[in-house]
PDB file of all heavy atoms in Angstrom:
ATOM      1  N   LYS A   1      48.055 -47.218 106.190  1.00  0.00           N
ATOM      2  CA  LYS A   1      47.375 -47.610 107.428  1.00  0.00           C
ATOM      3  C   LYS A   1      46.973 -46.381 108.241  1.00  0.00           C
ATOM      4  O   LYS A   1      45.844 -46.298 108.761  1.00  0.00           O
ATOM      5  CB  LYS A   1      48.293 -48.518 108.247  1.00  0.00           C
ATOM      6  CG  LYS A   1      47.649 -49.047 109.521  1.00  0.00           C
ATOM      7  CD  LYS A   1      48.599 -49.970 110.275  1.00  0.00           C
ATOM      8  CE  LYS A   1      47.971 -50.484 111.570  1.00  0.00           C
ATOM      9  NZ  LYS A   1      48.906 -51.343 112.343  1.00  0.00           N
ATOM     10  N   LEU A   2      47.879 -45.422 108.360  1.00  0.00           N
ATOM     11  CA  LEU A   2      47.588 -44.210 109.122  1.00  0.00           C
ATOM     12  C   LEU A   2      46.507 -43.365 108.448  1.00  0.00           C
ATOM     13  O   LEU A   2      45.630 -42.804 109.120  1.00  0.00           O
ATOM     14  CB  LEU A   2      48.865 -43.383 109.295  1.00  0.00           C
ATOM     15  CG  LEU A   2      49.857 -43.897 110.339  1.00  0.00           C
ATOM     16  CD1 LEU A   2      51.208 -43.233 110.180  1.00  0.00           C
ATOM     17  CD2 LEU A   2      49.307 -43.664 111.753  1.00  0.00           C
ATOM     18  N   ALA A   3      46.565 -43.280 107.110  1.00  0.00           N
ATOM     19  CA  ALA A   3      45.568 -42.495 106.381  1.00  0.00           C
ATOM     20  C   ALA A   3      44.173 -43.086 106.538  1.00  0.00           C
ATOM     21  O   ALA A   3      43.171 -42.362 106.548  1.00  0.00           O
ATOM     22  CB  ALA A   3      45.945 -42.400 104.908  1.00  0.00           C
ATOM     23  N   ARG A   4      44.095 -44.420 106.668  1.00  0.00           N
ATOM     24  CA  ARG A   4      42.800 -45.078 106.882  1.00  0.00           C
ATOM     25  C   ARG A   4      42.310 -44.882 108.310  1.00  0.00           C
ATOM     26  O   ARG A   4      41.137 -44.625 108.547  1.00  0.00           O
ATOM     27  CB  ARG A   4      42.902 -46.580 106.589  1.00  0.00           C
ATOM     28  CG  ARG A   4      42.919 -46.944 105.120  1.00  0.00           C
ATOM     29  CD  ARG A   4      42.520 -48.418 104.927  1.00  0.00           C
ATOM     30  NE  ARG A   4      43.245 -49.310 105.819  1.00  0.00           N
ATOM     31  CZ  ARG A   4      44.359 -49.953 105.491  1.00  0.00           C
ATOM     32  NH1 ARG A   4      44.886 -49.802 104.276  1.00  0.00           N
ATOM     33  NH2 ARG A   4      44.968 -50.755 106.347  1.00  0.00           N
ATOM     34  N   GLU A   5      43.220 -45.009 109.254  1.00  0.00           N
ATOM     35  CA  GLU A   5      42.847 -44.919 110.669  1.00  0.00           C
ATOM     36  C   GLU A   5      42.486 -43.488 111.066  1.00  0.00           C
ATOM     37  O   GLU A   5      41.568 -43.261 111.852  1.00  0.00           O
ATOM     38  CB  GLU A   5      44.008 -45.415 111.546  1.00  0.00           C
ATOM     39  CG  GLU A   5      43.739 -45.375 113.027  1.00  0.00           C
ATOM     40  CD  GLU A   5      42.741 -46.431 113.475  1.00  0.00           C
ATOM     41  OE1 GLU A   5      42.534 -47.422 112.737  1.00  0.00           O
ATOM     42  OE2 GLU A   5      42.164 -46.263 114.568  1.00  0.00           O
ATOM     43  N   PHE A   6      43.202 -42.526 110.515  1.00  0.00           N
ATOM     44  CA  PHE A   6      42.937 -41.122 110.823  1.00  0.00           C
ATOM     45  C   PHE A   6      42.348 -40.470 109.562  1.00  0.00           C
ATOM     46  O   PHE A   6      41.359 -40.933 109.046  1.00  0.00           O
ATOM     47  CB  PHE A   6      44.214 -40.447 111.310  1.00  0.00           C
ATOM     48  CG  PHE A   6      44.715 -41.025 112.609  1.00  0.00           C
ATOM     49  CD1 PHE A   6      45.665 -42.040 112.623  1.00  0.00           C
ATOM     50  CD2 PHE A   6      44.219 -40.571 113.820  1.00  0.00           C
ATOM     51  CE1 PHE A   6      46.106 -42.597 113.821  1.00  0.00           C
ATOM     52  CE2 PHE A   6      44.655 -41.115 115.027  1.00  0.00           C
ATOM     53  CZ  PHE A   6      45.589 -42.130 115.019  1.00  0.00           C
ATOM     54  N   LYS A   7      42.945 -39.407 109.074  1.00  0.00           N
ATOM     55  CA  LYS A   7      42.507 -38.782 107.829  1.00  0.00           C
ATOM     56  C   LYS A   7      43.746 -38.480 106.989  1.00  0.00           C
ATOM     57  O   LYS A   7      44.824 -38.225 107.544  1.00  0.00           O
ATOM     58  CB  LYS A   7      41.747 -37.478 108.105  1.00  0.00           C
ATOM     59  CG  LYS A   7      40.468 -37.645 108.889  1.00  0.00           C
ATOM     60  CD  LYS A   7      39.831 -36.288 109.144  1.00  0.00           C
ATOM     61  CE  LYS A   7      38.549 -36.426 109.946  1.00  0.00           C
ATOM     62  NZ  LYS A   7      37.929 -35.105 110.241  1.00  0.00           N
ATOM     63  N   PRO A   8      43.622 -38.468 105.664  1.00  0.00           N
ATOM     64  CA  PRO A   8      44.780 -38.144 104.828  1.00  0.00           C
ATOM     65  C   PRO A   8      45.437 -36.821 105.216  1.00  0.00           C
ATOM     66  O   PRO A   8      46.676 -36.715 105.216  1.00  0.00           O
ATOM     67  CB  PRO A   8      44.186 -38.081 103.422  1.00  0.00           C
ATOM     68  CG  PRO A   8      43.043 -39.037 103.469  1.00  0.00           C
ATOM     69  CD  PRO A   8      42.452 -38.872 104.845  1.00  0.00           C
ATOM     70  N   GLU A   9      44.617 -35.822 105.582  1.00  0.00           N
ATOM     71  CA  GLU A   9      45.193 -34.514 105.922  1.00  0.00           C
ATOM     72  C   GLU A   9      46.020 -34.543 107.200  1.00  0.00           C
ATOM     73  O   GLU A   9      46.762 -33.596 107.492  1.00  0.00           O
ATOM     74  CB  GLU A   9      44.105 -33.437 106.036  1.00  0.00           C
ATOM     75  CG  GLU A   9      42.987 -33.785 106.976  1.00  0.00           C
ATOM     76  CD  GLU A   9      41.762 -34.341 106.267  1.00  0.00           C
ATOM     77  OE1 GLU A   9      41.937 -35.107 105.294  1.00  0.00           O
ATOM     78  OE2 GLU A   9      40.642 -34.005 106.683  1.00  0.00           O
ATOM     79  N   ASN A  10      45.891 -35.622 107.985  1.00  0.00           N
ATOM     80  CA  ASN A  10      46.724 -35.771 109.183  1.00  0.00           C
ATOM     81  C   ASN A  10      48.099 -36.356 108.876  1.00  0.00           C
ATOM     82  O   ASN A  10      48.968 -36.384 109.763  1.00  0.00           O
ATOM     83  CB  ASN A  10      46.047 -36.685 110.205  1.00  0.00           C
ATOM     84  CG  ASN A  10      44.731 -36.152 110.729  1.00  0.00           C
ATOM     85  OD1 ASN A  10      43.738 -36.869 110.758  1.00  0.00           O
ATOM     86  ND2 ASN A  10      44.698 -34.900 111.130  1.00  0.00           N
ATOM     87  N   ILE A  11      48.274 -36.841 107.648  1.00  0.00           N
ATOM     88  CA  ILE A  11      49.497 -37.573 107.303  1.00  0.00           C
ATOM     89  C   ILE A  11      50.297 -36.824 106.247  1.00  0.00           C
ATOM     90  O   ILE A  11      49.851 -36.630 105.117  1.00  0.00           O
ATOM     91  CB  ILE A  11      49.174 -38.992 106.779  1.00  0.00           C
ATOM     92  CG1 ILE A  11      48.158 -39.690 107.695  1.00  0.00           C
ATOM     93  CG2 ILE A  11      50.452 -39.795 106.639  1.00  0.00           C
ATOM     94  CD1 ILE A  11      48.568 -39.777 109.151  1.00  0.00           C
ATOM     95  N   ASN A  12      51.486 -36.416 106.633  1.00  0.00           N
ATOM     96  CA  ASN A  12      52.410 -35.739 105.722  1.00  0.00           C
ATOM     97  C   ASN A  12      53.651 -36.613 105.562  1.00  0.00           C
ATOM     98  O   ASN A  12      54.120 -37.210 106.532  1.00  0.00           O
ATOM     99  CB  ASN A  12      52.802 -34.368 106.287  1.00  0.00           C
ATOM    100  CG  ASN A  12      53.854 -33.648 105.471  1.00  0.00           C
ATOM    101  OD1 ASN A  12      55.031 -33.991 105.517  1.00  0.00           O
ATOM    102  ND2 ASN A  12      53.446 -32.633 104.750  1.00  0.00           N
ATOM    103  N   VAL A  13      54.154 -36.701 104.350  1.00  0.00           N
ATOM    104  CA  VAL A  13      55.407 -37.431 104.122  1.00  0.00           C
ATOM    105  C   VAL A  13      56.482 -36.439 103.707  1.00  0.00           C
ATOM    106  O   VAL A  13      56.287 -35.630 102.785  1.00  0.00           O
ATOM    107  CB  VAL A  13      55.249 -38.518 103.043  1.00  0.00           C
ATOM    108  CG1 VAL A  13      56.599 -39.182 102.761  1.00  0.00           C
ATOM    109  CG2 VAL A  13      54.244 -39.572 103.494  1.00  0.00           C
ATOM    110  N   ALA A  14      57.610 -36.483 104.405  1.00  0.00           N
ATOM    111  CA  ALA A  14      58.736 -35.603 104.103  1.00  0.00           C
ATOM    112  C   ALA A  14      59.641 -36.257 103.074  1.00  0.00           C
ATOM    113  O   ALA A  14      60.103 -37.385 103.273  1.00  0.00           O
ATOM    114  CB  ALA A  14      59.523 -35.293 105.368  1.00  0.00           C
ATOM    115  N   LEU A  15      59.865 -35.557 101.999  1.00  0.00           N
ATOM    116  CA  LEU A  15      60.805 -35.999 100.966  1.00  0.00           C
ATOM    117  C   LEU A  15      61.951 -34.997 100.948  1.00  0.00           C
ATOM    118  O   LEU A  15      61.802 -33.869 100.500  1.00  0.00           O
ATOM    119  CB  LEU A  15      60.106 -36.066  99.602  1.00  0.00           C
ATOM    120  CG  LEU A  15      58.897 -37.010  99.534  1.00  0.00           C
ATOM    121  CD1 LEU A  15      58.258 -36.949  98.161  1.00  0.00           C
ATOM    122  CD2 LEU A  15      59.311 -38.446  99.871  1.00  0.00           C
ATOM    123  N   ASP A  16      63.075 -35.427 101.486  1.00  0.00           N
ATOM    124  CA  ASP A  16      64.246 -34.570 101.630  1.00  0.00           C
ATOM    125  C   ASP A  16      65.256 -34.952 100.562  1.00  0.00           C
ATOM    126  O   ASP A  16      65.809 -36.056 100.597  1.00  0.00           O
ATOM    127  CB  ASP A  16      64.849 -34.731 103.024  1.00  0.00           C
ATOM    128  CG  ASP A  16      63.813 -34.517 104.122  1.00  0.00           C
ATOM    129  OD1 ASP A  16      62.922 -33.674 103.926  1.00  0.00           O
ATOM    130  OD2 ASP A  16      63.894 -35.193 105.170  1.00  0.00           O
ATOM    131  N   SER A  17      65.484 -34.058  99.625  1.00  0.00           N
ATOM    132  CA  SER A  17      66.248 -34.410  98.429  1.00  0.00           C
ATOM    133  C   SER A  17      67.654 -33.807  98.422  1.00  0.00           C
ATOM    134  O   SER A  17      67.836 -32.621  98.693  1.00  0.00           O
ATOM    135  CB  SER A  17      65.485 -33.923  97.190  1.00  0.00           C
ATOM    136  OG  SER A  17      66.190 -34.232  96.018  1.00  0.00           O
ATOM    137  N   LYS A  18      68.618 -34.665  98.111  1.00  0.00           N
ATOM    138  CA  LYS A  18      70.006 -34.229  97.966  1.00  0.00           C
ATOM    139  C   LYS A  18      70.558 -34.816  96.676  1.00  0.00           C
ATOM    140  O   LYS A  18      70.469 -36.022  96.436  1.00  0.00           O
ATOM    141  CB  LYS A  18      70.842 -34.702  99.166  1.00  0.00           C
ATOM    142  CG  LYS A  18      72.274 -34.199  99.153  1.00  0.00           C
ATOM    143  CD  LYS A  18      72.989 -34.598 100.435  1.00  0.00           C
ATOM    144  CE  LYS A  18      74.402 -34.025 100.464  1.00  0.00           C
ATOM    145  NZ  LYS A  18      75.105 -34.374 101.724  1.00  0.00           N
ATOM    146  N   ASN A  19      71.085 -33.961  95.835  1.00  0.00           N
ATOM    147  CA  ASN A  19      71.600 -34.395  94.534  1.00  0.00           C
ATOM    148  C   ASN A  19      70.562 -35.207  93.752  1.00  0.00           C
ATOM    149  O   ASN A  19      70.887 -36.186  93.072  1.00  0.00           O
ATOM    150  CB  ASN A  19      72.881 -35.227  94.705  1.00  0.00           C
ATOM    151  CG  ASN A  19      74.005 -34.431  95.348  1.00  0.00           C
ATOM    152  OD1 ASN A  19      74.169 -33.243  95.071  1.00  0.00           O
ATOM    153  ND2 ASN A  19      74.783 -35.077  96.196  1.00  0.00           N
ATOM    154  N   GLY A  20      69.304 -34.810  93.911  1.00  0.00           N
ATOM    155  CA  GLY A  20      68.243 -35.427  93.125  1.00  0.00           C
ATOM    156  C   GLY A  20      67.650 -36.696  93.713  1.00  0.00           C
ATOM    157  O   GLY A  20      66.714 -37.263  93.143  1.00  0.00           O
ATOM    158  N   LYS A  21      68.173 -37.174  94.844  1.00  0.00           N
ATOM    159  CA  LYS A  21      67.670 -38.408  95.465  1.00  0.00           C
ATOM    160  C   LYS A  21      67.195 -38.120  96.890  1.00  0.00           C
ATOM    161  O   LYS A  21      67.752 -37.272  97.587  1.00  0.00           O
ATOM    162  CB  LYS A  21      68.752 -39.487  95.499  1.00  0.00           C
ATOM    163  CG  LYS A  21      69.310 -39.855  94.125  1.00  0.00           C
ATOM    164  CD  LYS A  21      68.299 -40.589  93.260  1.00  0.00           C
ATOM    165  CE  LYS A  21      68.931 -41.047  91.947  1.00  0.00           C
ATOM    166  NZ  LYS A  21      67.987 -41.799  91.098  1.00  0.00           N
ATOM    167  N   VAL A  22      66.203 -38.878  97.328  1.00  0.00           N
ATOM    168  CA  VAL A  22      65.635 -38.680  98.660  1.00  0.00           C
ATOM    169  C   VAL A  22      66.531 -39.301  99.730  1.00  0.00           C
ATOM    170  O   VAL A  22      66.963 -40.447  99.603  1.00  0.00           O
ATOM    171  CB  VAL A  22      64.219 -39.288  98.741  1.00  0.00           C
ATOM    172  CG1 VAL A  22      63.705 -39.290 100.180  1.00  0.00           C
ATOM    173  CG2 VAL A  22      63.261 -38.507  97.843  1.00  0.00           C
ATOM    174  N   SER A  23      66.794 -38.524 100.781  1.00  0.00           N
ATOM    175  CA  SER A  23      67.616 -38.988 101.900  1.00  0.00           C
ATOM    176  C   SER A  23      66.745 -39.357 103.086  1.00  0.00           C
ATOM    177  O   SER A  23      65.634 -38.840 103.240  1.00  0.00           O
ATOM    178  CB  SER A  23      68.611 -37.904 102.322  1.00  0.00           C
ATOM    179  OG  SER A  23      69.556 -37.655 101.305  1.00  0.00           O
ATOM    180  N   THR A  24      67.255 -40.239 103.955  1.00  0.00           N
ATOM    181  CA  THR A  24      66.522 -40.679 105.143  1.00  0.00           C
ATOM    182  C   THR A  24      67.447 -40.668 106.359  1.00  0.00           C
ATOM    183  O   THR A  24      68.625 -40.310 106.265  1.00  0.00           O
ATOM    184  CB  THR A  24      65.957 -42.100 104.946  1.00  0.00           C
ATOM    185  OG1 THR A  24      67.035 -43.011 104.701  1.00  0.00           O
ATOM    186  CG2 THR A  24      64.965 -42.143 103.782  1.00  0.00           C
ATOM    187  N   LYS A  25      66.883 -41.071 107.491  1.00  0.00           N
ATOM    188  CA  LYS A  25      67.634 -41.167 108.759  1.00  0.00           C
ATOM    189  C   LYS A  25      68.382 -39.871 109.079  1.00  0.00           C
ATOM    190  O   LYS A  25      69.602 -39.864 109.265  1.00  0.00           O
ATOM    191  CB  LYS A  25      68.582 -42.365 108.742  1.00  0.00           C
ATOM    192  CG  LYS A  25      67.849 -43.696 108.689  1.00  0.00           C
ATOM    193  CD  LYS A  25      68.772 -44.886 108.858  1.00  0.00           C
ATOM    194  CE  LYS A  25      67.960 -46.192 108.845  1.00  0.00           C
ATOM    195  NZ  LYS A  25      68.829 -47.375 108.976  1.00  0.00           N
ATOM    196  N   GLY A  26      67.598 -38.783 109.128  1.00  0.00           N
ATOM    197  CA  GLY A  26      68.198 -37.498 109.446  1.00  0.00           C
ATOM    198  C   GLY A  26      69.184 -37.048 108.397  1.00  0.00           C
ATOM    199  O   GLY A  26      70.161 -36.366 108.703  1.00  0.00           O
ATOM    200  N   TRP A  27      68.911 -37.430 107.151  1.00  0.00           N
ATOM    201  CA  TRP A  27      69.714 -37.044 105.982  1.00  0.00           C
ATOM    202  C   TRP A  27      71.097 -37.699 105.961  1.00  0.00           C
ATOM    203  O   TRP A  27      72.011 -37.251 105.267  1.00  0.00           O
ATOM    204  CB  TRP A  27      69.880 -35.520 105.894  1.00  0.00           C
ATOM    205  CG  TRP A  27      68.593 -34.761 105.843  1.00  0.00           C
ATOM    206  CD1 TRP A  27      67.342 -35.262 105.700  1.00  0.00           C
ATOM    207  CD2 TRP A  27      68.427 -33.340 105.919  1.00  0.00           C
ATOM    208  NE1 TRP A  27      66.404 -34.262 105.686  1.00  0.00           N
ATOM    209  CE2 TRP A  27      67.036 -33.078 105.826  1.00  0.00           C
ATOM    210  CE3 TRP A  27      69.313 -32.275 106.065  1.00  0.00           C
ATOM    211  CZ2 TRP A  27      66.516 -31.789 105.873  1.00  0.00           C
ATOM    212  CZ3 TRP A  27      68.795 -30.989 106.111  1.00  0.00           C
ATOM    213  CH2 TRP A  27      67.416 -30.746 106.016  1.00  0.00           C
ATOM    214  N   THR A  28      71.239 -38.796 106.711  1.00  0.00           N
ATOM    215  CA  THR A  28      72.534 -39.476 106.760  1.00  0.00           C
ATOM    216  C   THR A  28      72.638 -40.601 105.739  1.00  0.00           C
ATOM    217  O   THR A  28      73.730 -41.092 105.467  1.00  0.00           O
ATOM    218  CB  THR A  28      72.801 -40.066 108.161  1.00  0.00           C
ATOM    219  OG1 THR A  28      71.779 -41.018 108.477  1.00  0.00           O
ATOM    220  CG2 THR A  28      72.801 -38.952 109.214  1.00  0.00           C
ATOM    221  N   GLU A  29      71.501 -41.047 105.193  1.00  0.00           N
ATOM    222  CA  GLU A  29      71.510 -42.103 104.192  1.00  0.00           C
ATOM    223  C   GLU A  29      70.710 -41.663 102.967  1.00  0.00           C
ATOM    224  O   GLU A  29      69.702 -40.966 103.099  1.00  0.00           O
ATOM    225  CB  GLU A  29      70.914 -43.398 104.762  1.00  0.00           C
ATOM    226  CG  GLU A  29      71.738 -43.999 105.882  1.00  0.00           C
ATOM    227  CD  GLU A  29      71.202 -45.346 106.347  1.00  0.00           C
ATOM    228  OE1 GLU A  29      70.308 -45.907 105.661  1.00  0.00           O
ATOM    229  OE2 GLU A  29      71.675 -45.840 107.391  1.00  0.00           O
ATOM    230  N   GLN A  30      71.168 -42.081 101.795  1.00  0.00           N
ATOM    231  CA  GLN A  30      70.506 -41.675 100.563  1.00  0.00           C
ATOM    232  C   GLN A  30      69.841 -42.872  99.887  1.00  0.00           C
ATOM    233  O   GLN A  30      70.424 -43.950  99.782  1.00  0.00           O
ATOM    234  CB  GLN A  30      71.507 -41.029  99.600  1.00  0.00           C
ATOM    235  CG  GLN A  30      70.848 -40.265  98.454  1.00  0.00           C
ATOM    236  CD  GLN A  30      71.827 -39.320  97.780  1.00  0.00           C
ATOM    237  OE1 GLN A  30      73.036 -39.527  97.804  1.00  0.00           O
ATOM    238  NE2 GLN A  30      71.316 -38.260  97.167  1.00  0.00           N
ATOM    239  N   SER A  31      68.600 -42.654  99.440  1.00  0.00           N
ATOM    240  CA  SER A  31      67.883 -43.727  98.751  1.00  0.00           C
ATOM    241  C   SER A  31      68.196 -43.661  97.254  1.00  0.00           C
ATOM    242  O   SER A  31      68.931 -42.792  96.795  1.00  0.00           O
ATOM    243  CB  SER A  31      66.377 -43.574  98.960  1.00  0.00           C
ATOM    244  OG  SER A  31      65.869 -42.514  98.164  1.00  0.00           O
ATOM    245  N   GLU A  32      67.592 -44.561  96.509  1.00  0.00           N
ATOM    246  CA  GLU A  32      67.788 -44.567  95.056  1.00  0.00           C
ATOM    247  C   GLU A  32      66.631 -43.902  94.328  1.00  0.00           C
ATOM    248  O   GLU A  32      66.580 -43.894  93.105  1.00  0.00           O
ATOM    249  CB  GLU A  32      67.925 -46.017  94.565  1.00  0.00           C
ATOM    250  CG  GLU A  32      66.717 -46.892  94.903  1.00  0.00           C
ATOM    251  CD  GLU A  32      66.923 -48.347  94.511  1.00  0.00           C
ATOM    252  OE1 GLU A  32      66.842 -48.636  93.308  1.00  0.00           O
ATOM    253  OE2 GLU A  32      67.153 -49.178  95.421  1.00  0.00           O
ATOM    254  N   TYR A  33      65.712 -43.310  95.078  1.00  0.00           N
ATOM    255  CA  TYR A  33      64.500 -42.780  94.482  1.00  0.00           C
ATOM    256  C   TYR A  33      64.494 -41.249  94.429  1.00  0.00           C
ATOM    257  O   TYR A  33      65.041 -40.583  95.303  1.00  0.00           O
ATOM    258  CB  TYR A  33      63.272 -43.243  95.286  1.00  0.00           C
ATOM    259  CG  TYR A  33      63.168 -44.728  95.389  1.00  0.00           C
ATOM    260  CD1 TYR A  33      63.496 -45.379  96.589  1.00  0.00           C
ATOM    261  CD2 TYR A  33      62.744 -45.508  94.323  1.00  0.00           C
ATOM    262  CE1 TYR A  33      63.399 -46.757  96.702  1.00  0.00           C
ATOM    263  CE2 TYR A  33      62.653 -46.890  94.423  1.00  0.00           C
ATOM    264  CZ  TYR A  33      62.985 -47.504  95.615  1.00  0.00           C
ATOM    265  OH  TYR A  33      62.901 -48.862  95.730  1.00  0.00           O
ATOM    266  N   THR A  34      63.817 -40.724  93.417  1.00  0.00           N
ATOM    267  CA  THR A  34      63.640 -39.278  93.325  1.00  0.00           C
ATOM    268  C   THR A  34      62.403 -38.867  94.124  1.00  0.00           C
ATOM    269  O   THR A  34      61.554 -39.697  94.460  1.00  0.00           O
ATOM    270  CB  THR A  34      63.442 -38.825  91.871  1.00  0.00           C
ATOM    271  OG1 THR A  34      62.183 -39.333  91.390  1.00  0.00           O
ATOM    272  CG2 THR A  34      64.576 -39.332  90.982  1.00  0.00           C
ATOM    273  N   ALA A  35      62.283 -37.582  94.379  1.00  0.00           N
ATOM    274  CA  ALA A  35      61.120 -37.079  95.113  1.00  0.00           C
ATOM    275  C   ALA A  35      59.837 -37.314  94.328  1.00  0.00           C
ATOM    276  O   ALA A  35      58.794 -37.636  94.917  1.00  0.00           O
ATOM    277  CB  ALA A  35      61.301 -35.594  95.413  1.00  0.00           C
ATOM    278  N   VAL A  36      59.883 -37.169  93.036  1.00  0.00           N
ATOM    279  CA  VAL A  36      58.691 -37.380  92.219  1.00  0.00           C
ATOM    280  C   VAL A  36      58.246 -38.840  92.288  1.00  0.00           C
ATOM    281  O   VAL A  36      57.049 -39.139  92.444  1.00  0.00           O
ATOM    282  CB  VAL A  36      58.927 -36.953  90.760  1.00  0.00           C
ATOM    283  CG1 VAL A  36      57.792 -37.428  89.856  1.00  0.00           C
ATOM    284  CG2 VAL A  36      59.079 -35.435  90.660  1.00  0.00           C
TER     285      VAL A  36
END
């Protein structure tokens, strides 16, 4: 939605990886997904 409303170059996604998995909420929770 943001990329459509603005421009792709305005939108960056942070992928913060710990032990091979992406973390969220200020690195306090870990997802099940890899950065790739």
